[in-house]
Amino acid sequence: MPAYLGYIGGIFTTFCYVPQIMRVFRLKSAKEISLLFTVLLLTGAVIWLLYGIFLHLVPVILWNALGVGIVSVLLFAKLKYSRQQTRSREIDVNY
């Protein structure tokens, strides 16, 4: 039973970021996402992944590997849209 809890909890905590990522790409804006939050979340997921690998904990490995991928997409979107917003502000100022 405890292993199933790990899988179930992993599903919710891993995929809870997907709606936010979809929103960021739909709006083409990530100004409401904190860069520090995203970097710390990615760092924590990588550390949890390493922990799971060292202890051979399949649920921890599975969900944190997926989490690293998902949070990496969020970080990519944050950097991409932050850069675009900065450029558009520079263009507005120059005109």
Protein backbone atom coordinates (compact mmCIF):
# COMPACT_ATOMS: atom_id res chain seq x y z
CA MET A 1 0.00 0.00 0.00
CA PRO A 2 2.67 2.66 0.79
CA ALA A 3 4.19 2.27 -2.71
CA TYR A 4 0.81 3.04 -4.26
CA LEU A 5 0.63 6.20 -2.19
CA GLY A 6 3.96 7.24 -3.65
CA TYR A 7 2.66 6.78 -7.17
CA ILE A 8 -0.62 8.55 -6.49
CA GLY A 9 1.04 11.46 -4.69
CA GLY A 10 3.59 11.70 -7.50
CA ILE A 11 0.89 12.01 -10.12
CA PHE A 12 -0.67 15.01 -8.40
CA THR A 13 2.52 16.83 -7.43
CA THR A 14 4.19 16.25 -10.79
CA PHE A 15 1.33 17.19 -13.06
CA CYS A 16 0.07 20.15 -11.02
CA TYR A 17 2.43 22.37 -13.04
CA VAL A 18 0.98 21.38 -16.42
CA PRO A 19 -2.00 23.79 -16.30
CA GLN A 20 0.36 26.65 -15.44
CA ILE A 21 2.68 25.76 -18.32
CA MET A 22 -0.26 25.58 -20.72
CA ARG A 23 -1.41 29.01 -19.51
CA VAL A 24 2.05 30.53 -19.95
CA PHE A 25 2.29 29.29 -23.54
CA ARG A 26 -1.31 30.29 -24.34
CA LEU A 27 -0.82 33.84 -23.00
CA LYS A 28 2.79 34.08 -24.20
CA SER A 29 3.57 35.64 -20.85
CA ALA A 30 5.36 34.36 -17.76
CA LYS A 31 5.56 37.60 -15.80
CA GLU A 32 3.55 36.07 -12.94
CA ILE A 33 6.05 33.21 -12.58
CA SER A 34 8.98 33.84 -10.27
CA LEU A 35 12.35 32.92 -11.77
CA LEU A 36 13.71 32.14 -8.30
CA PHE A 37 10.74 29.83 -7.61
CA THR A 38 11.30 27.97 -10.88
CA VAL A 39 15.05 27.56 -10.37
CA LEU A 40 14.60 26.37 -6.77
CA LEU A 41 11.87 23.95 -7.81
CA LEU A 42 14.06 22.51 -10.57
CA THR A 43 17.02 22.20 -8.20
CA GLY A 44 14.86 20.41 -5.62
CA ALA A 45 13.49 18.01 -8.23
CA VAL A 46 17.00 17.15 -9.43
CA ILE A 47 18.12 16.49 -5.84
CA TRP A 48 15.04 14.30 -5.20
CA LEU A 49 15.78 12.44 -8.44
CA LEU A 50 19.35 11.77 -7.34
CA TYR A 51 18.11 10.65 -3.92
CA GLY A 52 15.71 8.22 -5.57
CA ILE A 53 18.43 6.86 -7.82
CA PHE A 54 20.83 6.28 -4.94
CA LEU A 55 18.17 4.47 -2.89
CA HIS A 56 16.52 2.71 -5.86
CA LEU A 57 13.11 4.22 -5.05
CA VAL A 58 11.11 3.78 -8.24
CA PRO A 59 8.26 6.22 -7.43
CA VAL A 60 10.75 8.94 -6.45
CA ILE A 61 12.79 8.35 -9.60
CA LEU A 62 9.77 8.23 -11.89
CA TRP A 63 7.95 11.31 -10.69
CA ASN A 64 11.02 13.46 -10.19
CA ALA A 65 12.39 12.56 -13.63
CA LEU A 66 9.07 13.68 -15.11
CA GLY A 67 9.07 16.69 -12.78
CA VAL A 68 12.52 17.77 -13.94
CA GLY A 69 11.27 17.67 -17.53
CA ILE A 70 8.08 19.57 -16.76
CA VAL A 71 9.78 22.24 -14.65
CA SER A 72 12.48 22.59 -17.32
CA VAL A 73 9.73 23.47 -19.80
CA LEU A 74 8.40 26.05 -17.33
CA LEU A 75 11.88 27.54 -16.92
CA PHE A 76 12.30 27.64 -20.70
CA ALA A 77 8.97 29.45 -21.06
CA LYS A 78 9.87 31.89 -18.29
CA LEU A 79 13.16 32.78 -19.92
CA LYS A 80 11.70 32.92 -23.44
CA TYR A 81 8.74 35.14 -22.64
CA SER A 82 10.66 37.34 -20.19
CA ARG A 83 13.17 38.05 -22.93
CA GLN A 84 10.41 38.82 -25.44
CA GLN A 85 8.66 41.16 -23.00
CA THR A 86 11.94 42.98 -22.33
CA ARG A 87 12.53 43.39 -26.08
CA SER A 88 9.02 44.68 -26.71
CA ARG A 89 9.43 47.25 -23.92
CA GLU A 90 12.70 48.40 -25.49
CA ILE A 91 10.99 48.79 -28.86
CA ASP A 92 8.13 50.77 -27.28
CA VAL A 93 10.59 53.11 -25.59
CA ASN A 94 12.53 53.71 -28.81
CA TYR A 95 9.44 54.76 -30.77
